[in-house]
Amino acid sequence: MPSWTAQADGTAHKPAPGVYLEFSVRERAAGFRTGRPIFIGRPHAIPKPEPEPEPEPDAGVQIRRLSEWGDFARLVGEPSAGGSFLASAVRGFFENGGEQCVVATCSVDQWPALLDDDSRDRASKLSEIDDVDLVCAPDLVRETADQHVALQRQILAHCDRLRDRFAILDAPPDAKSRDAAFHWHQLVSPNGALYFPWLLPLRRPGEEAHADGDARWVPPCGHVAGIFARTDRRSGVHKAPANELLEGVADIRVHVSDEEQSVLNNVGVNCLRALPGRGVRIWGARTLSGQAEWRYVNVRRLFITIRRWLETECRDLVFDSNHTQLWNRIRDRLTNYCYALYQSGALKGETPAEAYYVKCDAETNPADERAVGRVTAEIGLAATKPAEFIVVRITQEAASGSTEEISTISERS
């Protein structure tokens, strides 16, 4: 029997010619990441001393990839006190846990072409950026109310067509609670969420006050995108990006009451609230969908992530022979992925069988489907939903002194 002795460096010494078995742990290649937004905004003036790549020859659309806040001035342009909210959104993203983002700048009249996936223009190449899963457009608020809504609808339509990204939208800057609720009625999609109200960023040492002396309120999408990224990295996309502290925020423009939020929450507006002793937090996790199955941001993003995973991890199976061996490979691969989701807490159920099922067999692939070169697999998932309302019932029993004592303590807390 072939044998060898292990060396100190972990290698093995082969004493004689023959067949030897070596066992090693295969490291899986890093897959796609979540919580990576693309920010759409107005162009900024890039400092001339810094060398830049040659501009693209197609109508001034610029795409830049940023790994830290310091990249903004070097690659996108110097942050300005007025004219654009792009810099404040990107800064808020990195301050709240974001790691990488893409910035697309162009003039206002080019924004529709940038999002028009049916166009053959180079400006519609936004759909070809496949390593992003969030879309933010903080500069939309610079337009009229009708244009603002129209462009937000176009962003949602872009996400609906591609089905691999989620839009983080901002309520109008001067909106009150009633205005935010009305704004929601004009936007319907499972692939987006609306956040309200606007934020006042902290002034950093050395920063000058706003030119007109007024507070510089900014849209919340960038800060919220950072929370998405932070939550994804810490817990996974199945965790609702809510009840999370917003960093770098001094105040919010509208302080929403419990009664106001009960109305806004029911129509799918996610509120940012200043909670006593807990700072400013995201206090909502609902999409802009009217469908109950897509009500929550984390549930929708979980299915978006699964779709992105399938497109990435199953490409190597294209053009394989369409028979039972291929079906078994697909089923095993999908089952392993679903089991990993179950272990992470993304799926509900006491057992894996209650949490998910995977089918890829002769039933899902009849002869007429195989004849046209199609392979079909079916996945069923029971996604966990966030606990929006935690109800604690406190009962007092006169016959039990210990129960009465516990009830009193609970009521005081």
Protein backbone atom coordinates (compact mmCIF):
# COMPACT_ATOMS: atom_id res chain seq x y z
CA MET A 1 0.00 0.00 0.00
CA PRO A 2 1.47 3.39 -0.92
CA SER A 3 2.33 5.54 2.06
CA TRP A 4 4.32 8.61 2.96
CA THR A 5 5.37 10.65 5.94
CA ALA A 6 4.25 14.20 6.45
CA GLN A 7 6.90 16.90 6.42
CA ALA A 8 7.05 19.90 8.76
CA ASP A 9 5.94 22.23 5.98
CA GLY A 10 2.81 20.21 5.36
CA THR A 11 4.07 18.46 2.21
CA ALA A 12 4.47 14.70 1.90
CA HIS A 13 7.51 12.61 1.05
CA LYS A 14 6.83 9.91 -1.55
CA PRO A 15 9.19 6.99 -0.90
CA ALA A 16 8.64 5.15 -4.20
CA PRO A 17 6.92 5.50 -7.59
CA GLY A 18 3.22 4.77 -7.44
CA VAL A 19 -0.23 6.26 -7.01
CA TYR A 20 -0.69 8.50 -3.97
CA LEU A 21 -3.74 10.16 -2.50
CA GLU A 22 -3.56 13.67 -1.12
CA PHE A 23 -6.41 15.34 0.69
CA SER A 24 -6.84 19.09 0.84
CA VAL A 25 -9.57 21.54 1.65
CA ARG A 26 -10.68 23.37 -1.45
CA GLU A 27 -11.28 27.06 -0.87
CA ARG A 28 -14.34 28.25 -2.70
CA ALA A 29 -13.75 31.25 -4.89
CA ALA A 30 -15.25 34.45 -3.55
CA GLY A 31 -18.65 34.97 -5.09
CA PHE A 32 -20.61 38.13 -5.71
CA ARG A 33 -21.20 40.55 -2.91
CA THR A 34 -24.39 42.20 -1.76
CA GLY A 35 -24.95 45.68 -0.42
CA ARG A 36 -23.10 47.31 -3.31
CA PRO A 37 -25.00 50.31 -4.73
CA ILE A 38 -24.72 52.37 -7.87
CA PHE A 39 -25.22 56.08 -7.22
CA ILE A 40 -26.63 58.17 -10.07
CA GLY A 41 -25.97 61.91 -9.92
CA ARG A 42 -24.81 65.11 -11.55
CA PRO A 43 -21.22 65.58 -12.75
CA HIS A 44 -18.65 67.14 -10.43
CA ALA A 45 -15.56 69.16 -11.32
CA ILE A 46 -12.49 66.93 -11.08
CA PRO A 47 -9.31 68.71 -9.92
CA LYS A 48 -6.96 69.17 -12.86
CA PRO A 49 -3.71 68.19 -11.09
CA GLU A 50 -5.06 64.66 -10.69
CA PRO A 51 -4.60 62.58 -13.88
CA GLU A 52 -7.77 60.96 -15.10
CA PRO A 53 -8.60 58.29 -17.70
CA GLU A 54 -9.68 59.42 -21.14
CA PRO A 55 -13.39 60.34 -21.13
CA GLU A 56 -15.79 57.98 -22.80
CA PRO A 57 -16.90 59.16 -26.24
CA ASP A 58 -20.62 58.76 -25.57
CA ALA A 59 -22.43 61.83 -24.31
CA GLY A 60 -20.49 62.31 -21.06
CA VAL A 61 -21.69 59.39 -18.97
CA GLN A 62 -18.93 58.59 -16.48
CA ILE A 63 -18.72 55.38 -14.43
CA ARG A 64 -16.36 55.27 -11.46
CA ARG A 65 -15.74 52.58 -8.81
CA LEU A 66 -15.02 53.72 -5.26
CA SER A 67 -13.61 51.70 -2.37
CA GLU A 68 -13.47 54.53 0.19
CA TRP A 69 -14.73 58.05 0.70
CA GLY A 70 -11.36 59.52 -0.26
CA ASP A 71 -11.83 58.21 -3.80
CA PHE A 72 -14.71 60.61 -4.42
CA ALA A 73 -12.74 63.84 -4.85
CA ARG A 74 -10.06 62.07 -6.88
CA LEU A 75 -12.33 60.15 -9.25
CA VAL A 76 -15.71 61.91 -9.24
CA GLY A 77 -14.93 65.50 -8.25
CA GLU A 78 -14.70 67.87 -5.33
CA PRO A 79 -17.80 67.84 -3.12
CA SER A 80 -19.72 71.09 -3.53
CA ALA A 81 -21.91 72.96 -1.06
CA GLY A 82 -24.81 73.09 -3.51
CA GLY A 83 -25.98 71.72 -6.82
CA SER A 84 -25.66 68.02 -6.01
CA PHE A 85 -26.39 65.61 -3.18
CA LEU A 86 -24.22 62.89 -4.68
CA ALA A 87 -21.20 63.51 -2.42
CA SER A 88 -23.26 63.50 0.79
CA ALA A 89 -24.95 60.24 -0.25
CA VAL A 90 -21.67 58.50 -1.04
CA ARG A 91 -20.11 59.77 2.19
CA GLY A 92 -23.10 58.55 4.19
CA PHE A 93 -22.73 55.16 2.53
CA PHE A 94 -19.12 54.71 3.63
CA GLU A 95 -19.75 56.14 7.12
CA ASN A 96 -22.45 53.55 7.75
CA GLY A 97 -20.50 50.46 6.78
CA GLY A 98 -20.42 50.46 2.99
CA GLU A 99 -17.27 49.08 1.40
CA GLN A 100 -17.59 49.47 -2.36
CA CYS A 101 -19.90 51.37 -4.70
CA VAL A 102 -20.23 52.55 -8.28
CA VAL A 103 -20.90 56.18 -9.20
CA ALA A 104 -22.51 57.11 -12.52
CA THR A 105 -22.63 60.81 -13.41
CA CYS A 106 -24.32 62.47 -16.34
CA SER A 107 -26.41 65.52 -17.13
CA VAL A 108 -30.10 65.49 -16.26
CA ASP A 109 -31.28 65.05 -19.83
CA GLN A 110 -29.21 61.85 -20.08
CA TRP A 111 -30.72 60.16 -17.01
CA PRO A 112 -33.62 58.57 -18.92
CA ALA A 113 -31.22 57.05 -21.45
CA LEU A 114 -28.97 55.84 -18.64
CA LEU A 115 -31.83 53.73 -17.27
CA ASP A 116 -33.49 52.79 -20.57
CA ASP A 117 -32.52 49.14 -20.95
CA ASP A 118 -34.28 48.91 -24.31
CA SER A 119 -32.07 51.60 -25.80
CA ARG A 120 -29.05 50.69 -27.90
CA ASP A 121 -27.26 53.82 -26.75
CA ARG A 122 -23.99 53.46 -24.85
CA ALA A 123 -25.71 55.50 -22.13
CA SER A 124 -27.97 52.53 -21.36
CA LYS A 125 -25.02 50.38 -20.30
CA LEU A 126 -26.03 50.69 -16.66
CA SER A 127 -27.64 47.27 -17.03
CA GLU A 128 -24.26 45.74 -17.90
CA ILE A 129 -22.82 46.52 -14.47
CA ASP A 130 -23.58 43.16 -12.90
CA ASP A 131 -21.76 43.51 -9.57
CA VAL A 132 -24.26 45.94 -8.00
CA ASP A 133 -27.54 45.08 -6.31
CA LEU A 134 -28.73 48.50 -5.11
CA VAL A 135 -29.65 51.70 -6.98
CA CYS A 136 -29.63 55.18 -5.40
CA ALA A 137 -30.31 58.49 -7.13
CA PRO A 138 -29.95 61.34 -4.60
CA ASP A 139 -29.97 64.11 -7.23
CA LEU A 140 -33.47 63.33 -8.51
CA VAL A 141 -34.88 65.77 -5.99
CA ARG A 142 -33.37 68.65 -7.97
CA GLU A 143 -36.13 68.21 -10.54
CA THR A 144 -39.76 69.29 -10.42
CA ALA A 145 -42.20 67.15 -8.46
CA ASP A 146 -43.55 65.50 -11.63
CA GLN A 147 -40.06 64.84 -12.99
CA HIS A 148 -38.99 63.47 -9.62
CA VAL A 149 -41.79 60.91 -9.63
CA ALA A 150 -41.30 60.05 -13.31
CA LEU A 151 -37.58 59.35 -12.84
CA GLN A 152 -38.20 57.31 -9.69
CA ARG A 153 -40.71 55.24 -11.65
CA GLN A 154 -38.09 54.72 -14.33
CA ILE A 155 -35.60 53.52 -11.73
CA LEU A 156 -38.18 51.04 -10.42
CA ALA A 157 -38.92 49.87 -13.96
CA HIS A 158 -35.18 49.39 -14.51
CA CYS A 159 -34.99 47.20 -11.39
CA ASP A 160 -38.15 45.32 -12.39
CA ARG A 161 -36.71 44.47 -15.81
CA LEU A 162 -33.31 43.33 -14.60
CA ARG A 163 -34.60 41.64 -11.42
CA ASP A 164 -31.12 41.67 -9.90
CA ARG A 165 -31.13 45.01 -8.03
CA PHE A 166 -33.19 46.95 -5.51
CA ALA A 167 -33.92 50.70 -5.49
CA ILE A 168 -33.53 52.86 -2.38
CA LEU A 169 -35.68 55.95 -3.01
CA ASP A 170 -36.01 59.25 -1.17
CA ALA A 171 -39.19 61.11 -0.25
CA PRO A 172 -39.35 64.74 -1.43
CA PRO A 173 -37.16 67.12 0.62
CA ASP A 174 -39.97 69.23 2.10
CA ALA A 175 -42.40 66.37 2.57
CA LYS A 176 -44.40 66.01 5.75
CA SER A 177 -45.93 62.73 6.86
CA ARG A 178 -49.06 63.19 4.73
CA ASP A 179 -46.95 64.12 1.67
CA ALA A 180 -44.80 61.00 2.06
CA ALA A 181 -47.90 58.82 2.14
CA PHE A 182 -49.20 60.48 -1.04
CA HIS A 183 -45.81 60.10 -2.73
CA TRP A 184 -45.90 56.36 -2.04
CA HIS A 185 -49.17 55.95 -3.95
CA GLN A 186 -47.37 57.05 -7.12
CA LEU A 187 -44.69 54.35 -6.78
CA VAL A 188 -45.51 50.64 -6.84
CA SER A 189 -42.89 47.90 -7.16
CA PRO A 190 -41.54 44.99 -5.11
CA ASN A 191 -38.01 46.02 -6.14
CA GLY A 192 -37.80 49.30 -4.26
CA ALA A 193 -38.37 51.00 -0.92
CA LEU A 194 -39.07 54.62 0.06
CA TYR A 195 -37.38 56.34 3.02
CA PHE A 196 -38.52 59.45 4.91
CA PRO A 197 -37.55 62.08 6.13
CA TRP A 198 -34.32 63.85 5.12
CA LEU A 199 -31.20 64.00 7.31
CA LEU A 200 -28.87 66.64 8.69
CA PRO A 201 -25.27 65.32 8.54
CA LEU A 202 -22.84 66.07 11.33
CA ARG A 203 -20.40 68.88 10.62
CA ARG A 204 -16.87 67.54 10.70
CA PRO A 205 -13.93 69.51 12.13
CA GLY A 206 -12.68 72.02 9.57
CA GLU A 207 -15.86 71.99 7.48
CA GLU A 208 -17.45 75.30 6.66
CA ALA A 209 -21.10 76.08 7.26
CA HIS A 210 -23.51 76.03 4.36
CA ALA A 211 -23.23 79.07 2.11
CA ASP A 212 -26.61 80.55 3.01
CA GLY A 213 -26.25 79.74 6.70
CA ASP A 214 -29.19 77.32 6.66
CA ALA A 215 -29.04 73.65 7.60
CA ARG A 216 -27.91 71.40 4.78
CA TRP A 217 -30.54 68.68 4.71
CA VAL A 218 -29.68 65.66 2.51
CA PRO A 219 -31.64 62.68 1.16
CA PRO A 220 -31.24 59.51 3.23
CA CYS A 221 -30.57 56.98 0.44
CA GLY A 222 -26.78 56.90 0.85
CA HIS A 223 -26.88 56.40 4.62
CA VAL A 224 -29.55 53.73 4.19
CA ALA A 225 -27.46 51.94 1.52
CA GLY A 226 -24.60 51.82 4.03
CA ILE A 227 -26.93 50.17 6.55
CA PHE A 228 -27.91 47.61 3.88
CA ALA A 229 -24.23 46.79 3.31
CA ARG A 230 -23.44 46.64 7.03
CA THR A 231 -26.39 44.37 7.78
CA ASP A 232 -25.60 42.09 4.83
CA ARG A 233 -22.01 41.67 5.96
CA ARG A 234 -22.89 41.06 9.60
CA SER A 235 -26.02 38.91 9.28
CA GLY A 236 -26.94 38.37 5.61
CA VAL A 237 -29.56 39.74 3.23
CA HIS A 238 -32.26 37.82 5.07
CA LYS A 239 -31.91 40.23 8.02
CA ALA A 240 -34.16 43.28 7.69
CA PRO A 241 -32.04 46.46 7.42
CA ALA A 242 -33.96 48.16 10.22
CA ASN A 243 -33.51 49.11 13.89
CA GLU A 244 -29.98 50.11 12.86
CA LEU A 245 -28.18 53.22 14.05
CA LEU A 246 -27.40 55.82 11.38
CA GLU A 247 -23.87 57.15 11.77
CA GLY A 248 -22.88 60.72 10.93
CA VAL A 249 -26.39 62.13 11.45
CA ALA A 250 -27.13 65.15 13.67
CA ASP A 251 -30.90 65.37 13.18
CA ILE A 252 -33.84 64.48 10.96
CA ARG A 253 -36.03 67.02 9.21
CA VAL A 254 -39.39 65.63 10.42
CA HIS A 255 -39.88 63.91 13.77
CA VAL A 256 -42.56 61.31 13.16
CA SER A 257 -44.96 60.33 15.93
CA ASP A 258 -46.17 56.78 16.59
CA GLU A 259 -49.58 57.68 15.18
CA GLU A 260 -48.06 59.10 11.99
CA GLN A 261 -45.83 56.11 11.50
CA SER A 262 -48.72 53.71 11.89
CA VAL A 263 -50.20 55.30 8.77
CA LEU A 264 -46.90 55.50 6.88
CA ASN A 265 -45.89 51.95 7.77
CA ASN A 266 -49.18 50.58 6.45
CA VAL A 267 -48.62 52.19 3.04
CA GLY A 268 -44.97 51.12 2.84
CA VAL A 269 -43.06 54.30 3.78
CA ASN A 270 -40.00 53.49 5.91
CA CYS A 271 -39.42 56.12 8.57
CA LEU A 272 -36.18 57.31 10.09
CA ARG A 273 -36.76 58.14 13.72
CA ALA A 274 -34.83 59.77 16.53
CA LEU A 275 -35.42 57.42 19.46
CA PRO A 276 -34.64 58.69 22.99
CA GLY A 277 -31.24 57.42 24.07
CA ARG A 278 -30.81 55.32 20.90
CA GLY A 279 -29.96 57.86 18.21
CA VAL A 280 -31.44 58.08 14.71
CA ARG A 281 -32.49 54.68 13.41
CA ILE A 282 -34.24 53.11 10.43
CA TRP A 283 -37.65 52.15 11.79
CA GLY A 284 -39.22 50.32 8.86
CA ALA A 285 -38.46 47.54 6.37
CA ARG A 286 -41.23 47.53 3.78
CA THR A 287 -41.11 47.57 0.00
CA LEU A 288 -43.29 49.56 -2.39
CA SER A 289 -45.22 46.42 -3.34
CA GLY A 290 -48.89 45.87 -2.71
CA GLN A 291 -48.35 42.09 -2.70
CA ALA A 292 -48.19 40.45 0.72
CA GLU A 293 -45.45 38.00 -0.31
CA TRP A 294 -43.11 40.89 -1.24
CA ARG A 295 -44.02 43.22 1.63
CA TYR A 296 -40.63 43.14 3.34
CA VAL A 297 -37.30 44.44 2.03
CA ASN A 298 -35.28 41.49 3.32
CA VAL A 299 -37.59 38.88 1.76
CA ARG A 300 -37.45 40.52 -1.66
CA ARG A 301 -33.69 41.00 -1.48
CA LEU A 302 -33.23 37.35 -0.47
CA PHE A 303 -34.90 36.22 -3.70
CA ILE A 304 -32.94 38.79 -5.72
CA THR A 305 -29.74 37.40 -4.22
CA ILE A 306 -30.76 33.82 -5.00
CA ARG A 307 -31.38 34.80 -8.61
CA ARG A 308 -27.94 36.43 -8.84
CA TRP A 309 -26.34 33.35 -7.26
CA LEU A 310 -28.04 31.03 -9.74
CA GLU A 311 -26.90 33.07 -12.72
CA THR A 312 -23.33 33.02 -11.43
CA GLU A 313 -23.02 29.48 -10.10
CA CYS A 314 -24.89 27.61 -12.83
CA ARG A 315 -23.24 29.13 -15.91
CA ASP A 316 -20.77 26.26 -16.09
CA LEU A 317 -23.68 23.84 -16.64
CA VAL A 318 -24.84 25.48 -19.88
CA PHE A 319 -24.47 23.09 -22.88
CA ASP A 320 -24.02 20.02 -20.66
CA SER A 321 -25.84 16.90 -21.84
CA ASN A 322 -29.47 17.11 -20.82
CA HIS A 323 -30.01 13.91 -18.88
CA THR A 324 -30.40 12.64 -15.32
CA GLN A 325 -26.76 13.25 -14.41
CA LEU A 326 -27.17 16.94 -15.17
CA TRP A 327 -30.43 17.05 -13.22
CA ASN A 328 -28.69 15.46 -10.24
CA ARG A 329 -25.84 18.00 -10.39
CA ILE A 330 -28.29 20.90 -10.52
CA ARG A 331 -30.40 19.47 -7.71
CA ASP A 332 -27.37 18.82 -5.48
CA ARG A 333 -25.99 22.29 -6.07
CA LEU A 334 -29.30 23.98 -5.31
CA THR A 335 -29.95 21.78 -2.27
CA ASN A 336 -26.57 22.66 -0.78
CA TYR A 337 -27.24 26.35 -1.29
CA CYS A 338 -30.72 26.17 0.24
CA TYR A 339 -29.39 24.23 3.21
CA ALA A 340 -26.78 26.94 3.80
CA LEU A 341 -29.60 29.51 3.76
CA TYR A 342 -31.54 27.42 6.26
CA GLN A 343 -28.54 27.18 8.59
CA SER A 344 -28.01 30.94 8.42
CA GLY A 345 -31.56 31.59 9.60
CA ALA A 346 -32.86 32.88 6.27
CA LEU A 347 -35.58 30.20 6.09
CA LYS A 348 -38.17 29.16 8.64
CA GLY A 349 -39.07 25.64 9.65
CA GLU A 350 -38.11 23.08 12.29
CA THR A 351 -36.46 20.90 9.65
CA PRO A 352 -34.94 21.53 6.20
CA ALA A 353 -37.95 19.79 4.64
CA GLU A 354 -40.21 22.47 6.14
CA ALA A 355 -37.93 25.28 5.00
CA TYR A 356 -37.35 24.45 1.34
CA TYR A 357 -37.63 21.91 -1.45
CA VAL A 358 -35.75 21.43 -4.71
CA LYS A 359 -37.04 19.51 -7.72
CA CYS A 360 -35.15 18.76 -10.92
CA ASP A 361 -36.26 15.48 -12.44
CA ALA A 362 -38.32 13.96 -15.22
CA GLU A 363 -41.44 15.69 -13.90
CA THR A 364 -39.97 19.19 -14.25
CA ASN A 365 -38.21 18.19 -17.49
CA PRO A 366 -40.63 16.34 -19.77
CA ALA A 367 -39.59 15.19 -23.24
CA ASP A 368 -40.92 18.28 -25.06
CA GLU A 369 -38.87 20.56 -22.78
CA ARG A 370 -35.71 18.52 -23.33
CA ALA A 371 -36.31 18.57 -27.09
CA VAL A 372 -35.87 22.36 -27.16
CA GLY A 373 -32.76 22.23 -24.94
CA ARG A 374 -34.40 23.48 -21.76
CA VAL A 375 -33.68 22.29 -18.23
CA THR A 376 -36.08 23.33 -15.46
CA ALA A 377 -35.51 23.18 -11.72
CA GLU A 378 -38.09 24.20 -9.13
CA ILE A 379 -37.24 25.70 -5.74
CA GLY A 380 -39.67 26.41 -2.93
CA LEU A 381 -38.52 28.59 -0.01
CA ALA A 382 -40.18 29.63 3.24
CA ALA A 383 -38.45 32.96 3.92
CA THR A 384 -38.41 34.36 7.43
CA LYS A 385 -40.15 37.69 7.97
CA PRO A 386 -39.10 40.41 10.40
CA ALA A 387 -40.78 40.73 13.78
CA GLU A 388 -42.27 44.19 13.32
CA PHE A 389 -44.52 43.96 16.35
CA ILE A 390 -43.22 42.32 19.52
CA VAL A 391 -46.15 41.81 21.89
CA VAL A 392 -45.44 40.88 25.50
CA ARG A 393 -48.47 39.89 27.56
CA ILE A 394 -48.13 40.61 31.27
CA THR A 395 -50.56 38.84 33.54
CA GLN A 396 -51.08 39.33 37.24
CA GLU A 397 -52.29 36.45 39.37
CA ALA A 398 -53.43 37.27 42.89
CA ALA A 399 -52.68 33.75 44.10
CA SER A 400 -49.02 33.93 43.16
CA GLY A 401 -46.79 36.47 44.84
CA SER A 402 -43.86 35.74 42.55
CA THR A 403 -45.91 36.37 39.40
CA GLU A 404 -47.20 39.64 40.79
CA GLU A 405 -43.69 40.79 41.58
CA ILE A 406 -42.44 39.98 38.08
CA SER A 407 -45.40 41.81 36.52
CA THR A 408 -44.64 44.94 38.53
CA ILE A 409 -41.01 44.94 37.43
CA SER A 410 -41.96 44.41 33.79
CA GLU A 411 -44.46 47.28 33.88
CA ARG A 412 -41.84 49.64 35.27
CA SER A 413 -39.32 48.69 32.59
